[in-house]
C-alpha atoms as a PDB file:
ATOM      1  CA  MET A   1     -24.551  52.998 -73.992  1.00  0.00           C
ATOM      2  CA  LYS A   2     -21.977  55.579 -75.044  1.00  0.00           C
ATOM      3  CA  VAL A   3     -24.350  57.231 -77.557  1.00  0.00           C
ATOM      4  CA  ILE A   4     -27.126  57.501 -74.962  1.00  0.00           C
ATOM      5  CA  THR A   5     -24.720  58.823 -72.327  1.00  0.00           C
ATOM      6  CA  PHE A   6     -23.262  61.564 -74.498  1.00  0.00           C
ATOM      7  CA  SER A   7     -26.674  62.521 -75.874  1.00  0.00           C
ATOM      8  CA  LEU A   8     -27.856  62.990 -72.280  1.00  0.00           C
ATOM      9  CA  ILE A   9     -24.880  65.096 -71.243  1.00  0.00           C
ATOM     10  CA  ILE A  10     -24.842  67.270 -74.358  1.00  0.00           C
ATOM     11  CA  THR A  11     -28.567  67.910 -73.870  1.00  0.00           C
ATOM     12  CA  CYS A  12     -27.824  69.044 -70.298  1.00  0.00           C
ATOM     13  CA  VAL A  13     -25.100  71.377 -71.578  1.00  0.00           C
ATOM     14  CA  VAL A  14     -27.346  72.985 -74.201  1.00  0.00           C
ATOM     15  CA  LEU A  15     -30.167  73.488 -71.704  1.00  0.00           C
ATOM     16  CA  SER A  16     -27.638  74.879 -69.225  1.00  0.00           C
ATOM     17  CA  SER A  17     -26.615  77.637 -71.603  1.00  0.00           C
ATOM     18  CA  LEU A  18     -30.232  78.774 -71.945  1.00  0.00           C
ATOM     19  CA  ALA A  19     -31.050  78.888 -68.251  1.00  0.00           C
ATOM     20  CA  GLY A  20     -31.018  81.965 -66.043  1.00  0.00           C
ATOM     21  CA  TYR A  21     -29.202  82.738 -62.823  1.00  0.00           C
ATOM     22  CA  SER A  22     -30.660  83.475 -59.411  1.00  0.00           C
ATOM     23  CA  GLY A  23     -29.863  83.741 -55.725  1.00  0.00           C
ATOM     24  CA  THR A  24     -26.705  84.087 -53.695  1.00  0.00           C
ATOM     25  CA  SER A  25     -24.727  81.893 -51.326  1.00  0.00           C
ATOM     26  CA  GLY A  26     -21.677  81.979 -49.112  1.00  0.00           C
ATOM     27  CA  MET A  27     -18.201  80.721 -49.978  1.00  0.00           C
ATOM     28  CA  SER A  28     -18.775  80.571 -53.723  1.00  0.00           C
ATOM     29  CA  PHE A  29     -15.066  79.763 -54.180  1.00  0.00           C
ATOM     30  CA  LEU A  30     -16.022  76.158 -53.383  1.00  0.00           C
ATOM     31  CA  LYS A  31     -17.326  75.944 -56.985  1.00  0.00           C
ATOM     32  CA  MET A  32     -14.010  76.937 -58.563  1.00  0.00           C
ATOM     33  CA  ASP A  33     -11.702  74.722 -60.589  1.00  0.00           C
ATOM     34  CA  PHE A  34      -8.131  74.723 -59.272  1.00  0.00           C
ATOM     35  CA  SER A  35      -6.634  72.136 -61.636  1.00  0.00           C
ATOM     36  CA  PRO A  36      -5.057  73.577 -64.813  1.00  0.00           C
ATOM     37  CA  LYS A  37      -6.121  70.444 -66.677  1.00  0.00           C
ATOM     38  CA  ALA A  38      -9.780  70.816 -65.700  1.00  0.00           C
ATOM     39  CA  SER A  39      -9.706  74.526 -66.556  1.00  0.00           C
ATOM     40  CA  ALA A  40      -8.323  73.810 -70.039  1.00  0.00           C
ATOM     41  CA  LEU A  41     -11.077  71.226 -70.620  1.00  0.00           C
ATOM     42  CA  GLY A  42     -14.004  73.553 -70.033  1.00  0.00           C
ATOM     43  CA  SER A  43     -14.325  72.466 -66.384  1.00  0.00           C
ATOM     44  CA  ALA A  44     -15.964  69.278 -67.676  1.00  0.00           C
ATOM     45  CA  THR A  45     -14.015  66.654 -65.692  1.00  0.00           C
ATOM     46  CA  VAL A  46     -16.611  65.189 -63.290  1.00  0.00           C
ATOM     47  CA  GLY A  47     -16.728  62.164 -65.607  1.00  0.00           C
ATOM     48  CA  TYR A  48     -12.990  62.051 -66.406  1.00  0.00           C
ATOM     49  CA  SER A  49     -10.613  60.049 -64.235  1.00  0.00           C
ATOM     50  CA  GLU A  50      -7.380  60.620 -66.168  1.00  0.00           C
ATOM     51  CA  GLY A  51      -4.521  62.148 -64.194  1.00  0.00           C
ATOM     52  CA  PRO A  52      -3.810  62.919 -60.530  1.00  0.00           C
ATOM     53  CA  ASN A  53      -6.236  65.868 -60.286  1.00  0.00           C
ATOM     54  CA  GLY A  54      -9.399  63.910 -61.060  1.00  0.00           C
ATOM     55  CA  MET A  55     -10.351  63.709 -57.394  1.00  0.00           C
ATOM     56  CA  LEU A  56     -10.756  67.509 -57.202  1.00  0.00           C
ATOM     57  CA  ALA A  57     -13.779  67.281 -59.487  1.00  0.00           C
ATOM     58  CA  ASN A  58     -15.105  63.906 -58.297  1.00  0.00           C
ATOM     59  CA  PRO A  59     -13.811  62.044 -55.197  1.00  0.00           C
ATOM     60  CA  SER A  60     -14.863  58.705 -56.701  1.00  0.00           C
ATOM     61  CA  ALA A  61     -12.301  59.192 -59.511  1.00  0.00           C
ATOM     62  CA  MET A  62      -9.530  58.097 -57.116  1.00  0.00           C
ATOM     63  CA  THR A  63     -10.623  54.484 -57.574  1.00  0.00           C
ATOM     64  CA  PHE A  64      -9.732  54.568 -61.277  1.00  0.00           C
ATOM     65  CA  SER A  65      -6.534  56.617 -60.895  1.00  0.00           C
ATOM     66  CA  LYS A  66      -2.950  55.523 -60.314  1.00  0.00           C
ATOM     67  CA  ASP A  67      -1.911  53.942 -57.024  1.00  0.00           C
ATOM     68  CA  LEU A  68      -0.135  57.063 -55.791  1.00  0.00           C
ATOM     69  CA  SER A  69      -0.383  60.670 -56.927  1.00  0.00           C
ATOM     70  CA  ALA A  70       0.207  64.237 -55.780  1.00  0.00           C
ATOM     71  CA  ALA A  71      -0.420  67.582 -57.439  1.00  0.00           C
ATOM     72  CA  THR A  72      -0.044  71.308 -56.892  1.00  0.00           C
ATOM     73  CA  SER A  73      -1.051  74.381 -58.884  1.00  0.00           C
ATOM     74  CA  TYR A  74      -0.905  78.166 -59.031  1.00  0.00           C
ATOM     75  CA  GLY A  75      -3.357  80.402 -60.858  1.00  0.00           C
ATOM     76  CA  ARG A  76      -3.218  84.078 -61.767  1.00  0.00           C
ATOM     77  CA  LEU A  77      -6.748  85.415 -62.169  1.00  0.00           C
ATOM     78  CA  TYR A  78      -8.122  88.795 -63.137  1.00  0.00           C
ATOM     79  CA  ALA A  79      -7.932  91.724 -60.681  1.00  0.00           C
ATOM     80  CA  ASP A  80      -4.745  90.352 -59.046  1.00  0.00           C
ATOM     81  CA  ILE A  81      -6.539  87.342 -57.576  1.00  0.00           C
ATOM     82  CA  ASN A  82      -4.323  84.297 -56.969  1.00  0.00           C
ATOM     83  CA  THR A  83      -5.348  80.667 -56.487  1.00  0.00           C
ATOM     84  CA  GLY A  84      -3.565  77.425 -55.694  1.00  0.00           C
ATOM     85  CA  HIS A  85      -3.949  73.918 -54.368  1.00  0.00           C
ATOM     86  CA  LEU A  86      -2.024  70.942 -52.993  1.00  0.00           C
ATOM     87  CA  ALA A  87      -3.528  67.456 -53.224  1.00  0.00           C
ATOM     88  CA  GLY A  88      -2.537  63.823 -52.946  1.00  0.00           C
ATOM     89  CA  GLN A  89      -4.069  60.356 -52.897  1.00  0.00           C
ATOM     90  CA  ARG A  90      -3.048  56.756 -52.218  1.00  0.00           C
ATOM     91  CA  ARG A  91      -4.828  53.534 -53.166  1.00  0.00           C
ATOM     92  CA  PHE A  92      -5.042  50.698 -50.615  1.00  0.00           C
ATOM     93  CA  HIS A  93      -6.705  47.269 -50.690  1.00  0.00           C
ATOM     94  CA  PHE A  94      -9.747  48.670 -48.858  1.00  0.00           C
ATOM     95  CA  GLY A  95     -10.120  51.778 -51.034  1.00  0.00           C
ATOM     96  CA  SER A  96      -8.437  55.075 -51.911  1.00  0.00           C
ATOM     97  CA  ILE A  97      -7.690  57.922 -49.477  1.00  0.00           C
ATOM     98  CA  GLY A  98      -6.941  61.498 -50.499  1.00  0.00           C
ATOM     99  CA  ALA A  99      -6.536  65.013 -49.120  1.00  0.00           C
ATOM    100  CA  ALA A 100      -6.466  68.490 -50.613  1.00  0.00           C
ATOM    101  CA  VAL A 101      -5.919  72.109 -49.570  1.00  0.00           C
ATOM    102  CA  LYS A 102      -7.173  74.961 -51.793  1.00  0.00           C
ATOM    103  CA  PHE A 103      -6.838  78.721 -51.435  1.00  0.00           C
ATOM    104  CA  VAL A 104      -7.870  81.976 -53.086  1.00  0.00           C
ATOM    105  CA  SER A 105      -6.042  85.205 -52.247  1.00  0.00           C
ATOM    106  CA  TYR A 106      -7.716  88.462 -53.255  1.00  0.00           C
ATOM    107  CA  GLY A 107      -4.666  90.611 -52.545  1.00  0.00           C
ATOM    108  CA  ASN A 108      -4.536  93.907 -50.683  1.00  0.00           C
ATOM    109  CA  MET A 109      -7.346  96.446 -50.977  1.00  0.00           C
ATOM    110  CA  ASP A 110      -7.540 100.057 -49.862  1.00  0.00           C
ATOM    111  CA  ARG A 111      -9.138 100.830 -46.519  1.00  0.00           C
ATOM    112  CA  THR A 112     -11.010 104.135 -46.607  1.00  0.00           C
ATOM    113  CA  ASP A 113     -12.764 106.339 -44.064  1.00  0.00           C
ATOM    114  CA  GLY A 114     -16.240 107.823 -44.319  1.00  0.00           C
ATOM    115  CA  ALA A 115     -14.965 110.588 -46.589  1.00  0.00           C
ATOM    116  CA  GLY A 116     -13.359 108.130 -49.000  1.00  0.00           C
ATOM    117  CA  GLU A 117      -9.788 108.886 -47.924  1.00  0.00           C
ATOM    118  CA  VAL A 118      -7.353 105.959 -47.984  1.00  0.00           C
ATOM    119  CA  ILE A 119      -6.191 105.196 -44.447  1.00  0.00           C
ATOM    120  CA  GLY A 120      -4.539 101.805 -44.980  1.00  0.00           C
ATOM    121  CA  ASP A 121      -5.259  98.482 -46.572  1.00  0.00           C
ATOM    122  CA  PHE A 122      -6.703  95.053 -45.813  1.00  0.00           C
ATOM    123  CA  SER A 123      -6.725  91.611 -47.411  1.00  0.00           C
ATOM    124  CA  ALA A 124      -9.142  88.753 -48.073  1.00  0.00           C
ATOM    125  CA  THR A 125      -8.478  85.013 -48.327  1.00  0.00           C
ATOM    126  CA  ASP A 126     -10.505  81.838 -48.830  1.00  0.00           C
ATOM    127  CA  ILE A 127      -9.126  78.428 -47.736  1.00  0.00           C
ATOM    128  CA  SER A 128     -10.534  74.919 -47.707  1.00  0.00           C
ATOM    129  CA  ALA A 129      -9.074  71.596 -46.523  1.00  0.00           C
ATOM    130  CA  SER A 130     -10.655  68.271 -47.430  1.00  0.00           C
ATOM    131  CA  ALA A 131     -10.272  64.552 -46.777  1.00  0.00           C
ATOM    132  CA  MET A 132     -11.573  61.983 -49.295  1.00  0.00           C
ATOM    133  CA  PHE A 133     -12.345  58.297 -49.564  1.00  0.00           C
ATOM    134  CA  SER A 134     -13.485  56.186 -52.520  1.00  0.00           C
ATOM    135  CA  ARG A 135     -14.099  52.512 -53.174  1.00  0.00           C
ATOM    136  CA  GLU A 136     -15.225  50.315 -56.055  1.00  0.00           C
ATOM    137  CA  ILE A 137     -18.455  48.848 -54.657  1.00  0.00           C
ATOM    138  CA  VAL A 138     -19.220  46.629 -57.669  1.00  0.00           C
ATOM    139  CA  PRO A 139     -17.143  46.088 -60.827  1.00  0.00           C
ATOM    140  CA  ASN A 140     -16.736  49.364 -62.755  1.00  0.00           C
ATOM    141  CA  LEU A 141     -18.733  51.459 -60.234  1.00  0.00           C
ATOM    142  CA  SER A 142     -17.014  53.654 -57.653  1.00  0.00           C
ATOM    143  CA  LEU A 143     -18.478  55.791 -54.875  1.00  0.00           C
ATOM    144  CA  GLY A 144     -16.581  58.606 -53.172  1.00  0.00           C
ATOM    145  CA  LEU A 145     -16.975  61.000 -50.255  1.00  0.00           C
ATOM    146  CA  ALA A 146     -15.088  64.251 -49.618  1.00  0.00           C
ATOM    147  CA  THR A 147     -15.507  66.115 -46.324  1.00  0.00           C
ATOM    148  CA  PHE A 148     -14.183  69.675 -46.050  1.00  0.00           C
ATOM    149  CA  PHE A 149     -13.619  72.555 -43.692  1.00  0.00           C
ATOM    150  CA  ALA A 150     -13.649  76.041 -45.246  1.00  0.00           C
ATOM    151  CA  SER A 151     -12.778  79.542 -44.095  1.00  0.00           C
ATOM    152  CA  SER A 152     -13.367  82.962 -45.656  1.00  0.00           C
ATOM    153  CA  ALA A 153     -11.581  85.953 -44.119  1.00  0.00           C
ATOM    154  CA  ILE A 154     -12.010  89.642 -44.947  1.00  0.00           C
ATOM    155  CA  ASP A 155      -9.946  92.027 -42.809  1.00  0.00           C
ATOM    156  CA  THR A 156     -10.839  91.081 -39.209  1.00  0.00           C
ATOM    157  CA  PHE A 157     -14.003  89.188 -40.122  1.00  0.00           C
ATOM    158  CA  THR A 158     -14.074  85.410 -40.594  1.00  0.00           C
ATOM    159  CA  ALA A 159     -16.709  82.916 -41.720  1.00  0.00           C
ATOM    160  CA  LEU A 160     -16.346  79.156 -41.161  1.00  0.00           C
ATOM    161  CA  ALA A 161     -18.141  76.218 -42.756  1.00  0.00           C
ATOM    162  CA  MET A 162     -18.141  72.426 -42.887  1.00  0.00           C
ATOM    163  CA  GLY A 163     -19.585  70.250 -45.609  1.00  0.00           C
ATOM    164  CA  PHE A 164     -19.149  67.270 -47.881  1.00  0.00           C
ATOM    165  CA  ASP A 165     -19.400  66.121 -51.505  1.00  0.00           C
ATOM    166  CA  ILE A 166     -20.746  62.736 -52.640  1.00  0.00           C
ATOM    167  CA  GLY A 167     -19.608  61.352 -55.980  1.00  0.00           C
ATOM    168  CA  ALA A 168     -20.087  58.314 -58.189  1.00  0.00           C
ATOM    169  CA  MET A 169     -18.302  57.151 -61.327  1.00  0.00           C
ATOM    170  CA  PHE A 170     -19.197  54.356 -63.722  1.00  0.00           C
ATOM    171  CA  LYS A 171     -16.702  52.913 -66.200  1.00  0.00           C
ATOM    172  CA  PHE A 172     -18.050  51.391 -69.428  1.00  0.00           C
ATOM    173  CA  ASP A 173     -16.950  50.039 -72.811  1.00  0.00           C
ATOM    174  CA  ARG A 174     -13.868  48.407 -71.283  1.00  0.00           C
ATOM    175  CA  GLY A 175     -12.704  51.680 -69.752  1.00  0.00           C
ATOM    176  CA  ARG A 176     -13.030  53.846 -72.877  1.00  0.00           C
ATOM    177  CA  GLY A 177     -15.831  55.821 -71.265  1.00  0.00           C
ATOM    178  CA  HIS A 178     -16.714  57.176 -67.826  1.00  0.00           C
ATOM    179  CA  LEU A 179     -19.932  58.635 -66.455  1.00  0.00           C
ATOM    180  CA  GLY A 180     -19.667  60.755 -63.305  1.00  0.00           C
ATOM    181  CA  PHE A 181     -22.093  62.418 -60.919  1.00  0.00           C
ATOM    182  CA  VAL A 182     -21.373  64.621 -57.875  1.00  0.00           C
ATOM    183  CA  VAL A 183     -23.568  66.343 -55.309  1.00  0.00           C
ATOM    184  CA  LYS A 184     -21.527  69.259 -54.008  1.00  0.00           C
ATOM    185  CA  ASN A 185     -21.232  71.410 -50.901  1.00  0.00           C
ATOM    186  CA  LEU A 186     -23.772  69.718 -48.660  1.00  0.00           C
ATOM    187  CA  GLY A 187     -23.469  71.228 -45.188  1.00  0.00           C
ATOM    188  CA  GLY A 188     -23.537  74.749 -43.833  1.00  0.00           C
ATOM    189  CA  GLN A 189     -21.758  77.612 -42.165  1.00  0.00           C
ATOM    190  CA  LEU A 190     -20.582  77.338 -38.587  1.00  0.00           C
ATOM    191  CA  SER A 191     -20.288  81.115 -38.352  1.00  0.00           C
ATOM    192  CA  GLY A 192     -20.743  84.067 -40.691  1.00  0.00           C
ATOM    193  CA  PHE A 193     -19.407  87.563 -41.195  1.00  0.00           C
ATOM    194  CA  THR A 194     -22.570  88.798 -39.489  1.00  0.00           C
ATOM    195  CA  GLU A 195     -25.208  87.221 -37.265  1.00  0.00           C
ATOM    196  CA  SER A 196     -27.022  85.914 -40.353  1.00  0.00           C
ATOM    197  CA  GLU A 197     -25.334  82.890 -41.937  1.00  0.00           C
ATOM    198  CA  ASP A 198     -25.417  82.222 -45.691  1.00  0.00           C
ATOM    199  CA  THR A 199     -26.047  78.793 -47.171  1.00  0.00           C
ATOM    200  CA  LEU A 200     -23.247  77.107 -49.097  1.00  0.00           C
ATOM    201  CA  ALA A 201     -23.123  77.001 -52.887  1.00  0.00           C
ATOM    202  CA  GLN A 202     -24.918  73.650 -53.090  1.00  0.00           C
ATOM    203  CA  GLY A 203     -25.448  71.905 -56.412  1.00  0.00           C
ATOM    204  CA  PHE A 204     -24.746  68.893 -58.562  1.00  0.00           C
ATOM    205  CA  SER A 205     -22.798  67.987 -61.703  1.00  0.00           C
ATOM    206  CA  LEU A 206     -23.304  65.245 -64.287  1.00  0.00           C
ATOM    207  CA  GLY A 207     -20.516  64.539 -66.769  1.00  0.00           C
ATOM    208  CA  ALA A 208     -19.116  61.970 -69.158  1.00  0.00           C
ATOM    209  CA  SER A 209     -15.918  61.285 -71.085  1.00  0.00           C
ATOM    210  CA  TYR A 210     -15.199  58.897 -73.933  1.00  0.00           C
ATOM    211  CA  ARG A 211     -12.103  57.847 -75.865  1.00  0.00           C
ATOM    212  CA  LEU A 212     -13.294  58.308 -79.448  1.00  0.00           C
ATOM    213  CA  LYS A 213     -12.740  55.305 -81.662  1.00  0.00           C
ATOM    214  CA  GLY A 214     -10.545  56.047 -84.656  1.00  0.00           C
ATOM    215  CA  LEU A 215      -9.517  59.431 -83.208  1.00  0.00           C
ATOM    216  CA  PRO A 216      -6.590  60.201 -80.869  1.00  0.00           C
ATOM    217  CA  MET A 217      -8.640  62.006 -78.230  1.00  0.00           C
ATOM    218  CA  PHE A 218     -11.074  61.998 -75.356  1.00  0.00           C
ATOM    219  CA  ALA A 219     -14.299  63.992 -75.623  1.00  0.00           C
ATOM    220  CA  LEU A 220     -15.882  65.412 -72.460  1.00  0.00           C
ATOM    221  CA  ALA A 221     -19.249  66.985 -71.652  1.00  0.00           C
ATOM    222  CA  GLN A 222     -20.758  68.190 -68.385  1.00  0.00           C
ATOM    223  CA  GLY A 223     -23.863  69.911 -67.051  1.00  0.00           C
ATOM    224  CA  ASP A 224     -23.974  71.697 -63.666  1.00  0.00           C
ATOM    225  CA  TYR A 225     -26.614  73.225 -61.456  1.00  0.00           C
ATOM    226  CA  PHE A 226     -25.985  75.382 -58.372  1.00  0.00           C
ATOM    227  CA  ARG A 227     -28.714  76.932 -56.277  1.00  0.00           C
ATOM    228  CA  ASP A 228     -27.059  80.371 -56.355  1.00  0.00           C
ATOM    229  CA  SER A 229     -26.195  80.586 -60.061  1.00  0.00           C
ATOM    230  CA  GLY A 230     -28.507  78.187 -61.899  1.00  0.00           C
ATOM    231  CA  PHE A 231     -27.394  76.011 -64.793  1.00  0.00           C
ATOM    232  CA  SER A 232     -24.085  75.979 -66.613  1.00  0.00           C
ATOM    233  CA  GLY A 233     -22.152  73.505 -68.711  1.00  0.00           C
ATOM    234  CA  GLY A 234     -18.885  72.730 -70.459  1.00  0.00           C
ATOM    235  CA  LEU A 235     -17.293  70.759 -73.272  1.00  0.00           C
ATOM    236  CA  GLY A 236     -13.698  69.571 -73.608  1.00  0.00           C
ATOM    237  CA  PHE A 237     -11.320  67.602 -75.816  1.00  0.00           C
ATOM    238  CA  GLU A 238      -7.919  66.140 -75.008  1.00  0.00           C
ATOM    239  CA  ILE A 239      -5.528  64.773 -77.661  1.00  0.00           C
ATOM    240  CA  VAL A 240      -3.615  61.919 -76.058  1.00  0.00           C
ATOM    241  CA  GLU A 241      -1.585  60.357 -78.893  1.00  0.00           C
ATOM    242  CA  LEU A 242       1.256  62.927 -78.964  1.00  0.00           C
ATOM    243  CA  ASN A 243       2.911  61.526 -75.829  1.00  0.00           C
ATOM    244  CA  PRO A 244       4.642  63.150 -73.944  1.00  0.00           C
ATOM    245  CA  LEU A 245       2.562  66.138 -75.133  1.00  0.00           C
ATOM    246  CA  PHE A 246      -1.159  66.351 -74.374  1.00  0.00           C
ATOM    247  CA  LEU A 247      -3.201  69.094 -76.048  1.00  0.00           C
ATOM    248  CA  ARG A 248      -6.487  70.346 -74.529  1.00  0.00           C
ATOM    249  CA  ALA A 249      -9.302  72.677 -75.498  1.00  0.00           C
ATOM    250  CA  GLY A 250     -12.699  73.464 -74.068  1.00  0.00           C
ATOM    251  CA  TYR A 251     -15.634  75.784 -73.871  1.00  0.00           C
ATOM    252  CA  ARG A 252     -17.646  76.897 -70.835  1.00  0.00           C
ATOM    253  CA  PHE A 253     -21.196  78.134 -71.306  1.00  0.00           C
ATOM    254  CA  ARG A 254     -21.629  81.348 -69.312  1.00  0.00           C
ATOM    255  CA  GLU A 255     -24.009  84.293 -69.181  1.00  0.00           C
ATOM    256  CA  LYS A 256     -22.454  87.100 -71.238  1.00  0.00           C
ATOM    257  CA  VAL A 257     -22.622  90.867 -71.049  1.00  0.00           C
ATOM    258  CA  SER A 258     -24.638  92.516 -73.813  1.00  0.00           C
ATOM    259  CA  GLY A 259     -24.833  96.066 -75.114  1.00  0.00           C
ATOM    260  CA  ASP A 260     -21.755  98.236 -75.621  1.00  0.00           C
ATOM    261  CA  LEU A 261     -19.438  95.628 -74.076  1.00  0.00           C
ATOM    262  CA  ALA A 262     -20.671  92.723 -76.207  1.00  0.00           C
ATOM    263  CA  ASP A 263     -17.593  92.784 -78.481  1.00  0.00           C
ATOM    264  CA  ASP A 264     -15.367  92.050 -75.485  1.00  0.00           C
ATOM    265  CA  GLU A 265     -17.438  88.957 -74.684  1.00  0.00           C
ATOM    266  CA  LYS A 266     -17.096  87.048 -77.965  1.00  0.00           C
ATOM    267  CA  PHE A 267     -14.274  84.844 -76.623  1.00  0.00           C
ATOM    268  CA  ASN A 268     -15.805  84.403 -73.163  1.00  0.00           C
ATOM    269  CA  GLY A 269     -15.821  80.709 -72.244  1.00  0.00           C
ATOM    270  CA  ILE A 270     -12.975  79.556 -74.489  1.00  0.00           C
ATOM    271  CA  SER A 271     -10.153  77.610 -72.826  1.00  0.00           C
ATOM    272  CA  ALA A 272      -7.042  75.760 -73.936  1.00  0.00           C
ATOM    273  CA  GLY A 273      -3.898  74.234 -72.503  1.00  0.00           C
ATOM    274  CA  PHE A 274      -1.367  71.468 -72.611  1.00  0.00           C
ATOM    275  CA  GLY A 275       0.354  68.879 -70.469  1.00  0.00           C
ATOM    276  CA  LEU A 276       3.861  67.421 -70.580  1.00  0.00           C
ATOM    277  CA  VAL A 277       4.577  64.040 -69.018  1.00  0.00           C
ATOM    278  CA  TYR A 278       8.023  62.677 -68.154  1.00  0.00           C
ATOM    279  CA  GLN A 279       8.712  59.650 -65.947  1.00  0.00           C
ATOM    280  CA  GLY A 280       5.523  60.083 -63.950  1.00  0.00           C
ATOM    281  CA  PHE A 281       5.747  63.880 -63.619  1.00  0.00           C
ATOM    282  CA  ASN A 282       3.108  66.097 -65.213  1.00  0.00           C
ATOM    283  CA  ILE A 283       3.503  69.783 -66.066  1.00  0.00           C
ATOM    284  CA  ASP A 284       0.201  71.479 -66.947  1.00  0.00           C
ATOM    285  CA  TYR A 285      -0.826  74.895 -68.242  1.00  0.00           C
ATOM    286  CA  SER A 286      -4.250  76.355 -68.980  1.00  0.00           C
ATOM    287  CA  PHE A 287      -5.674  79.571 -70.426  1.00  0.00           C
ATOM    288  CA  GLN A 288      -9.258  80.703 -69.892  1.00  0.00           C
ATOM    289  CA  HIS A 289     -11.077  83.715 -71.298  1.00  0.00           C
ATOM    290  CA  TYR A 290     -13.600  85.495 -69.049  1.00  0.00           C
ATOM    291  CA  GLY A 291     -14.684  88.200 -71.472  1.00  0.00           C
ATOM    292  CA  ILE A 292     -14.575  91.714 -70.057  1.00  0.00           C
ATOM    293  CA  LEU A 293     -12.996  90.405 -66.852  1.00  0.00           C
ATOM    294  CA  GLY A 294      -9.884  89.283 -68.732  1.00  0.00           C
ATOM    295  CA  THR A 295      -7.927  86.055 -68.938  1.00  0.00           C
ATOM    296  CA  VAL A 296      -6.869  83.463 -66.385  1.00  0.00           C
ATOM    297  CA  HIS A 297      -3.600  81.494 -66.483  1.00  0.00           C
ATOM    298  CA  LYS A 298      -2.932  78.409 -64.345  1.00  0.00           C
ATOM    299  CA  PHE A 299       0.181  76.287 -63.944  1.00  0.00           C
ATOM    300  CA  GLY A 300       0.534  72.950 -62.228  1.00  0.00           C
ATOM    301  CA  VAL A 301       2.952  70.147 -61.405  1.00  0.00           C
ATOM    302  CA  ALA A 302       1.796  66.628 -60.568  1.00  0.00           C
ATOM    303  CA  PHE A 303       3.198  63.158 -59.990  1.00  0.00           C
ATOM    304  CA  ASP A 304       1.608  59.751 -60.335  1.00  0.00           C
ATOM    305  CA  ALA A 305       2.988  56.224 -60.251  1.00  0.00           C
ATOM    306  CA  PHE A 306       2.265  52.523 -59.934  1.00  0.00           C
ATOM    307  CA  ALA A 307      -0.293  52.203 -62.727  1.00  0.00           C
ATOM    308  CA  LYS A 308      -2.845  49.432 -62.517  1.00  0.00           C
END
């Protein structure tokens, strides 16, 4: 089972790296990773339930997480863009319930007149709020649903949207491995910046994780498809036997710039990070390289308790 699963996912990842990109959509920030842990692992956590941020990638992961968890993060992206999130979940006898708020702030930008003269400034912000539910419907198989409300604001213009994600996660080999699948951003805009309304960044992700026998680590692989950007994929590894220190590395397959700027793209897609755990508290850091765009740093603090 585990060999077939990983062969399938790795095939998806390789094919993803060869595919092209096409189309556009609204509120593309809904595709972003906000968790430092996920970012360090090549954004390949749809099939990974470890830690309190698993529900951000797959709502069904709450079923296989701790009884109670909460997490927050802050990210410093290129071009003075800031991101962050606040999330929490609680497991009950009837299932698990969670909620999350995510934001992207693009900072202040110059406002100019028709002649190009600066006459002030304006800002832009993206925000989403979501509610989640998951339940183990049969042994080792969980289904999850996340509904969200999203807003994008630029100066005095605002776009609103509602949608939902549907996720599933299957646990195999006595919990050493997980297979996850998510259909993302189903729904649409309630209003747009103009009279024409864009579709959401709809897509799906298939991923798997496995605790390698004889090695102190988890291996992760994931393939993604979004209607506005085509295929992509990621790989990740987490060393888990250095408790309280957890070391992470990953790679994200992306389209790269060629020509004169190609030398600046050679590290594009590489990510790394670490986690520190003490009495239920988690401190996480991640580093991602985006080629000519620069690097991204994310920090996070999380808490989980009452292990199964």
